[in-house]
Structure formats: structure tokens, C-alpha cells
Amino acid sequence: MDQLRAMEIFVEVARLKSFSAAGRRLGLSRALVSKHILQLEAKLDVRLLHRSTREVSLTDAGQAYLAPCSAAVAQAQEATRVATQSGARLAGPLRIQAPSSFGGTWLADALARFCLPHPQLQPLLHVDDALLDPIEHGFDLTIRVGGIPDSRALAIRPLAPCRGILCAAPAYLERHGMPEAPEALRVHRCLHFSHLTDGTAWRFARAGEQRVVRVEAAFTSNNGLVLQQAALQGMGIVYSTTFLAMRHLLEGTLVPVLGEWQLPLNYLSALYPASRQPSPKVRQLIDFLVAEYQPVPPWDAALATVQAPSA
């Protein structure tokens, strides 16, 4: 006897309360449905169903067996679906949302390399710094820097640490000087990212010491690329991230500020609906990004040798 098949038939009979209706649903004759149920009862040595000419109902044993049996059948069906899809070619639309600062730099490059071996994939990358609900907007995958919602509807997989950094153009520091301590930022022109959860209260840590400085924002934007461009023009000290500022720090067009102090650590995360298993294309893209950004993301590895100048 194929016990799993018999369990699937039992679940359908219990749901429909009819051998005939279950047979029609499964493409089997009433006699074959009855045979499978009898074999299952013999295997378990218990009567699962009451039969009459008018209806089928569960015995006490059948009632107790139904829930774990349904769960086992559903798990087996899901395992079959995943195994079948894992061997399929990656194809079709792949809808992704990411913040513009990350989507336009690192993600665009990684996504192109991921898609090259799969020419039938159709990536749709929506870059937006708004904290959009991926379920409401129909995204298969959302990349988020911090701002993780407290929602059971979303599954979350960390991709990489996201380290904050203060930096400024050399020309600005020549005019205004290098701040020696976080409190000195109060007299500097600060370029502020409006999505910071603490507003203009910038937080610093060093060897167990904590400082909080509320800065006067000379320029505020919800877009990190805009703020970085303003910093490159010498407008002030920008609150940025290492993944965004890396190239300019390596080139020397931006210089680290207060590098001995740490800013709050966020994480770059992948979000997708928790109500279903991710499709093979979503799962493989997440695995690809994890391999790209762990254990040390390439932007932090490249900056490991960059030393903050002394005050």
C-alpha cells in the first residue's frame, strides 16, 4: 500500500464526507477510494470512518488522526513542489524593490551578474527610499537597510552589516577644520539623512562610552546619493554608509570624520512574504546575495585599510 496516497485520500474523504466526491476530486473510482481507506485502517489497526448509505463521518480515532494526517500530506506536497521547481529553469518576472543608494550601486551590478546565466529571467528593479510594504506592492523581494517592520507576514534574511560613517570633502575640512569630538558637530554644517530613526540626534559609541549629539541640519534629504553629492561639493559633513561612500573614500574625494567613533549598526536584509515558500528564483537570488556580501561585505573589506586622519 502507498500509505501517503491513502492518507491523501482519507483527508479528501473527511473533507468532502463522501467516497464518491473524493473519488471525483482525485480522479479515482469510488471502489478504489474505499479500498485505500480499508487498507489504511488495516495498517493502523483502527476504524477511521463511519459509513452509511447517506453519509460518511469520522470516528473518534479518525478525528484525532485527521489533523496530523493533513499536516503530513501538506508537507509532502510542498516538498514535492520545491523539489520539482528546484530543477526548473529560472524564468519570468522577478520583482525587486531596494533603496536607491544601494539599488543603484551594489545591487544593480550583482543582479546583472545573477541574471546573465538565466536569459529568460525578467528582473524588474524598483528603486525607492520609501519603506514600501512588499506584499501590498507585489514585490517578490525587498532589500531594506534598517527599518525592518515588526510583521509576522514577512520573512527576513540578513544579508550584510550596514555601517554608518561620517565623511566630508577635504575642501570643507580645510575651511572648517576636523571636529575633535562628537560635540563639535554642533558648529559644523551637517548633511542629514531624513530616514534616521532618531532624527537629528546622531549617536556615537567608543569603548563603552556613549554620546548623543543633536545636530543642526544644513541640508536634509531622504536620498543618500543626493547627500553624498552635496558632500562632494563641500557643503558639509554627511551621515552616510560605507557601501555608498566607499569609492569616494578610496579616491580621497571624501575623508572619514570622527572615525574612532562608531555609529549605530544597521543591517541590510532581504524581505519576502512569510506565507509561502520563496520561489526558486527568489531563493537562489537571496543565496547569491548572501554569498556576495558575507562574511565581510566587499565595501567594508575594501575600506579596511582606510585610516581616519588624526584631528
Protein backbone atom coordinates (compact mmCIF):
# COMPACT_ATOMS: atom_id res chain seq x y z
CA MET A 1 0.00 0.00 0.00
CA ASP A 2 1.13 3.55 -0.78
CA GLN A 3 0.42 4.93 2.69
CA LEU A 4 0.94 8.56 1.72
CA ARG A 5 -1.53 8.20 -1.13
CA ALA A 6 -4.03 6.55 1.22
CA MET A 7 -3.57 9.39 3.71
CA GLU A 8 -4.25 11.94 0.95
CA ILE A 9 -7.43 10.07 0.03
CA PHE A 10 -8.53 9.90 3.67
CA VAL A 11 -8.11 13.67 4.05
CA GLU A 12 -10.29 14.27 0.97
CA VAL A 13 -12.99 11.84 2.16
CA ALA A 14 -13.03 13.51 5.58
CA ARG A 15 -13.24 16.96 3.99
CA LEU A 16 -15.99 16.09 1.49
CA LYS A 17 -17.79 13.48 3.67
CA SER A 18 -18.21 11.31 0.62
CA PHE A 19 -16.31 8.48 -1.06
CA SER A 20 -17.76 9.40 -4.45
CA ALA A 21 -16.99 13.11 -4.17
CA ALA A 22 -13.41 12.36 -3.03
CA GLY A 23 -13.01 9.99 -5.98
CA ARG A 24 -14.15 12.64 -8.44
CA ARG A 25 -11.79 15.16 -6.86
CA LEU A 26 -8.84 12.76 -7.12
CA GLY A 27 -9.74 11.08 -10.39
CA LEU A 28 -10.42 7.69 -8.78
CA SER A 29 -13.36 5.32 -8.71
CA ARG A 30 -15.47 5.02 -5.56
CA ALA A 31 -14.34 1.40 -5.21
CA LEU A 32 -10.65 2.37 -5.33
CA VAL A 33 -11.18 5.10 -2.75
CA SER A 34 -12.88 2.59 -0.46
CA LYS A 35 -10.04 0.09 -0.99
CA HIS A 36 -7.39 2.64 0.02
CA ILE A 37 -9.33 3.60 3.18
CA LEU A 38 -9.76 -0.04 4.18
CA GLN A 39 -6.04 -0.66 3.67
CA LEU A 40 -5.15 2.41 5.74
CA GLU A 41 -7.46 1.28 8.56
CA ALA A 42 -5.90 -2.18 8.45
CA LYS A 43 -2.41 -0.67 8.56
CA LEU A 44 -3.31 1.46 11.58
CA ASP A 45 -5.49 -1.25 13.13
CA VAL A 46 -8.21 1.30 13.86
CA ARG A 47 -11.52 2.33 12.30
CA LEU A 48 -11.31 5.87 10.91
CA LEU A 49 -14.74 6.36 9.33
CA HIS A 50 -18.37 5.58 9.99
CA ARG A 51 -20.08 4.54 6.73
CA SER A 52 -23.77 4.70 5.96
CA THR A 53 -25.83 4.92 2.78
CA ARG A 54 -26.35 8.62 3.35
CA GLU A 55 -23.08 10.00 4.71
CA VAL A 56 -19.55 9.36 5.88
CA SER A 57 -18.36 10.68 9.25
CA LEU A 58 -15.23 10.45 11.35
CA THR A 59 -14.85 8.12 14.29
CA ASP A 60 -13.13 9.44 17.40
CA ALA A 61 -9.90 7.86 16.16
CA GLY A 62 -10.44 9.39 12.72
CA GLN A 63 -10.99 12.81 14.25
CA ALA A 64 -7.74 12.54 16.23
CA TYR A 65 -5.86 11.30 13.15
CA LEU A 66 -7.14 13.94 10.74
CA ALA A 67 -5.04 16.94 11.83
CA PRO A 68 -1.60 15.24 11.86
CA CYS A 69 -2.53 13.36 8.70
CA SER A 70 -3.47 16.61 6.91
CA ALA A 71 -0.23 18.23 8.06
CA ALA A 72 1.85 15.29 6.81
CA VAL A 73 0.11 15.32 3.43
CA ALA A 74 0.57 19.10 3.06
CA GLN A 75 4.25 18.83 3.98
CA ALA A 76 4.81 16.04 1.47
CA GLN A 77 3.06 18.02 -1.27
CA GLU A 78 5.17 21.09 -0.51
CA ALA A 79 8.36 19.01 -0.56
CA THR A 80 7.37 17.66 -3.97
CA ARG A 81 6.66 21.18 -5.25
CA VAL A 82 10.01 22.52 -4.02
CA ALA A 83 11.94 19.57 -5.46
CA THR A 84 10.18 19.89 -8.79
CA GLN A 85 10.73 23.64 -9.03
CA SER A 86 14.38 23.47 -7.94
CA GLY A 87 15.27 21.72 -11.17
CA ALA A 88 13.32 24.13 -13.32
CA ARG A 89 14.90 26.92 -15.31
CA LEU A 90 14.72 30.34 -13.75
CA ALA A 91 12.37 32.39 -15.88
CA GLY A 92 9.72 35.08 -15.77
CA PRO A 93 9.37 38.35 -13.86
CA LEU A 94 11.43 38.91 -10.71
CA ARG A 95 10.11 41.99 -8.93
CA ILE A 96 12.60 43.58 -6.54
CA GLN A 97 12.49 46.81 -4.54
CA ALA A 98 15.56 48.42 -2.99
CA PRO A 99 16.65 51.82 -1.67
CA SER A 100 18.14 53.95 -4.42
CA SER A 101 21.51 54.30 -2.65
CA PHE A 102 22.03 50.53 -2.61
CA GLY A 103 19.98 49.54 -5.65
CA GLY A 104 21.80 51.94 -7.93
CA THR A 105 25.26 50.86 -6.79
CA TRP A 106 25.88 47.36 -5.47
CA LEU A 107 22.57 45.63 -6.18
CA ALA A 108 22.34 46.60 -9.85
CA ASP A 109 25.74 45.05 -10.50
CA ALA A 110 25.01 41.86 -8.52
CA LEU A 111 21.58 41.46 -10.11
CA ALA A 112 23.03 41.70 -13.61
CA ARG A 113 25.61 39.01 -12.84
CA PHE A 114 22.92 36.79 -11.28
CA CYS A 115 20.66 37.09 -14.33
CA LEU A 116 23.29 36.54 -17.05
CA PRO A 117 23.17 32.72 -16.84
CA HIS A 118 19.33 32.86 -16.86
CA PRO A 119 18.34 34.77 -20.02
CA GLN A 120 14.64 34.05 -19.50
CA LEU A 121 14.56 35.93 -16.20
CA GLN A 122 12.92 39.35 -16.38
CA PRO A 123 14.17 41.42 -13.43
CA LEU A 124 12.14 44.49 -12.50
CA LEU A 125 14.18 46.60 -10.07
CA HIS A 126 12.22 49.39 -8.41
CA VAL A 127 14.48 51.80 -6.52
CA ASP A 128 12.71 53.88 -3.91
CA ASP A 129 13.81 55.15 -0.50
CA ALA A 130 10.25 54.89 0.85
CA LEU A 131 9.62 51.96 3.21
CA LEU A 132 7.15 50.21 0.91
CA ASP A 133 5.17 47.15 2.01
CA PRO A 134 6.40 44.34 -0.29
CA ILE A 135 3.11 42.41 -0.05
CA GLU A 136 0.91 45.42 -0.76
CA HIS A 137 3.05 46.48 -3.74
CA GLY A 138 3.53 42.99 -5.15
CA PHE A 139 7.32 42.66 -4.81
CA ASP A 140 8.85 39.19 -4.79
CA LEU A 141 11.76 40.53 -2.76
CA THR A 142 12.53 43.76 -0.93
CA ILE A 143 16.01 44.83 0.11
CA ARG A 144 15.89 47.02 3.20
CA VAL A 145 18.59 48.95 5.05
CA GLY A 146 17.37 49.03 8.65
CA GLY A 147 13.71 49.92 9.10
CA ILE A 148 12.68 46.26 9.46
CA PRO A 149 8.91 46.08 10.12
CA ASP A 150 7.58 44.09 13.08
CA SER A 151 5.36 41.88 10.96
CA ARG A 152 4.69 38.15 11.01
CA ALA A 153 3.64 38.46 7.37
CA LEU A 154 7.27 38.95 6.29
CA ALA A 155 10.22 36.59 6.43
CA ILE A 156 13.61 38.27 6.88
CA ARG A 157 17.08 37.07 5.95
CA PRO A 158 20.09 39.22 6.91
CA LEU A 159 22.46 39.91 4.02
CA ALA A 160 25.21 42.09 5.48
CA PRO A 161 26.00 44.62 8.20
CA CYS A 162 25.34 48.20 7.16
CA ARG A 163 27.84 50.51 8.84
CA GLY A 164 27.30 54.23 9.14
CA ILE A 165 30.15 56.66 8.55
CA LEU A 166 30.63 60.42 8.70
CA CYS A 167 32.69 61.95 5.93
CA ALA A 168 33.37 65.25 4.22
CA ALA A 169 35.26 66.67 1.28
CA PRO A 170 38.85 67.78 2.00
CA ALA A 171 37.94 71.30 0.87
CA TYR A 172 35.24 71.56 3.55
CA LEU A 173 37.61 70.36 6.27
CA GLU A 174 40.26 72.83 5.15
CA ARG A 175 37.78 75.67 5.62
CA HIS A 176 36.10 74.49 8.83
CA GLY A 177 38.59 72.12 10.46
CA MET A 178 38.31 68.49 11.52
CA PRO A 179 35.96 68.02 14.52
CA GLU A 180 37.81 66.55 17.50
CA ALA A 181 34.79 65.13 19.32
CA PRO A 182 31.12 64.42 18.51
CA GLU A 183 30.00 67.58 20.34
CA ALA A 184 32.00 69.68 17.87
CA LEU A 185 29.46 68.76 15.19
CA ARG A 186 27.09 71.34 16.66
CA VAL A 187 29.11 74.10 14.99
CA HIS A 188 29.54 72.26 11.68
CA ARG A 189 27.32 72.08 8.64
CA CYS A 190 25.74 68.61 8.81
CA LEU A 191 24.08 66.81 5.90
CA HIS A 192 21.28 64.74 7.37
CA PHE A 193 19.52 61.59 6.09
CA SER A 194 15.84 62.06 6.96
CA HIS A 195 15.08 58.34 7.41
CA LEU A 196 17.30 58.05 10.51
CA THR A 197 15.06 56.75 13.29
CA ASP A 198 16.48 59.17 15.90
CA GLY A 199 16.01 62.24 13.75
CA THR A 200 18.85 64.73 14.03
CA ALA A 201 20.12 63.09 17.24
CA TRP A 202 23.31 61.42 15.99
CA ARG A 203 24.54 58.63 18.26
CA PHE A 204 28.17 57.65 18.82
CA ALA A 205 29.92 54.88 20.73
CA ARG A 206 33.57 54.21 21.62
CA ALA A 207 34.93 51.61 24.06
CA GLY A 208 31.71 51.55 26.07
CA GLU A 209 31.31 55.32 26.02
CA GLN A 210 28.08 56.70 24.54
CA ARG A 211 27.46 60.18 23.15
CA VAL A 212 24.32 61.71 21.64
CA VAL A 213 24.60 64.96 19.69
CA ARG A 214 21.64 66.79 18.21
CA VAL A 215 22.97 68.49 15.11
CA GLU A 216 21.65 71.41 13.09
CA ALA A 217 20.95 70.00 9.64
CA ALA A 218 22.25 72.34 6.94
CA PHE A 219 20.86 70.05 4.25
CA THR A 220 18.34 67.21 4.64
CA SER A 221 17.29 64.58 2.10
CA ASN A 222 15.66 61.16 2.04
CA ASN A 223 18.21 60.05 -0.56
CA GLY A 224 21.76 59.10 0.35
CA LEU A 225 23.08 59.75 -3.16
CA VAL A 226 21.82 63.35 -3.01
CA LEU A 227 23.55 63.93 0.33
CA GLN A 228 26.79 62.38 -0.92
CA GLN A 229 26.80 64.66 -3.94
CA ALA A 230 26.31 67.66 -1.64
CA ALA A 231 29.24 66.49 0.49
CA LEU A 232 31.45 66.12 -2.59
CA GLN A 233 30.71 69.77 -3.40
CA GLY A 234 31.95 70.78 0.06
CA MET A 235 28.59 71.55 1.65
CA GLY A 236 29.29 69.81 4.94
CA ILE A 237 29.73 66.56 6.89
CA VAL A 238 27.46 63.82 5.62
CA TYR A 239 25.94 60.91 7.58
CA SER A 240 26.43 58.11 5.05
CA THR A 241 27.09 54.37 4.84
CA THR A 242 30.28 52.55 3.95
CA PHE A 243 28.67 50.85 0.94
CA LEU A 244 27.75 54.24 -0.50
CA ALA A 245 30.87 56.22 0.38
CA MET A 246 33.48 53.51 -0.35
CA ARG A 247 34.61 54.64 -3.81
CA HIS A 248 34.99 58.29 -2.78
CA LEU A 249 36.83 57.36 0.41
CA LEU A 250 39.28 55.25 -1.57
CA GLU A 251 39.76 58.05 -4.10
CA GLY A 252 40.22 60.64 -1.35
CA THR A 253 37.38 62.84 -2.60
CA LEU A 254 35.71 62.18 0.76
CA VAL A 255 37.55 61.83 4.08
CA PRO A 256 36.35 59.94 7.21
CA VAL A 257 35.29 62.16 10.11
CA LEU A 258 35.39 61.04 13.76
CA GLY A 259 36.48 57.62 12.52
CA GLU A 260 37.40 56.43 16.02
CA TRP A 261 33.70 56.66 16.98
CA GLN A 262 31.13 54.09 15.85
CA LEU A 263 27.67 54.96 14.57
CA PRO A 264 24.67 52.65 15.22
CA LEU A 265 24.91 49.41 13.26
CA ASN A 266 22.08 48.55 10.90
CA TYR A 267 21.68 45.54 8.66
CA LEU A 268 21.00 45.02 5.01
CA SER A 269 18.17 42.48 4.84
CA ALA A 270 16.06 40.60 2.31
CA LEU A 271 12.29 40.55 2.96
CA TYR A 272 9.70 38.32 1.30
CA PRO A 273 6.18 37.08 2.18
CA ALA A 274 6.28 34.58 5.03
CA SER A 275 3.03 32.93 3.98
CA ARG A 276 4.68 30.88 1.25
CA GLN A 277 7.97 29.27 0.38
CA PRO A 278 10.08 31.61 -1.78
CA SER A 279 10.13 30.61 -5.43
CA PRO A 280 13.38 29.10 -6.78
CA LYS A 281 14.34 32.38 -8.44
CA VAL A 282 13.84 34.36 -5.22
CA ARG A 283 15.57 31.74 -3.09
CA GLN A 284 18.55 31.50 -5.46
CA LEU A 285 18.87 35.28 -5.67
CA ILE A 286 18.95 35.56 -1.87
CA ASP A 287 21.57 32.79 -1.68
CA PHE A 288 23.59 34.60 -4.35
CA LEU A 289 23.49 37.89 -2.42
CA VAL A 290 24.45 36.16 0.84
CA ALA A 291 27.49 34.66 -0.91
CA GLU A 292 28.34 38.11 -2.32
CA TYR A 293 28.11 40.01 0.97
CA GLN A 294 29.17 37.56 3.68
CA PRO A 295 31.13 37.10 5.86
CA VAL A 296 32.55 40.59 5.18
CA PRO A 297 30.82 42.77 2.58
CA PRO A 298 33.16 43.87 -0.21
CA TRP A 299 32.77 47.57 0.58
CA ASP A 300 33.95 47.06 4.17
CA ALA A 301 36.79 44.80 3.04
CA ALA A 302 37.96 47.50 0.63
CA LEU A 303 37.85 50.15 3.36
CA ALA A 304 39.70 48.08 5.96
CA THR A 305 42.95 49.85 5.11
CA VAL A 306 41.47 53.37 5.07
CA GLN A 307 42.59 55.19 8.20
CA ALA A 308 40.77 58.17 9.62
CA PRO A 309 43.07 61.21 9.67
CA SER A 310 44.10 62.49 13.05
CA ALA A 311 42.42 65.62 14.32
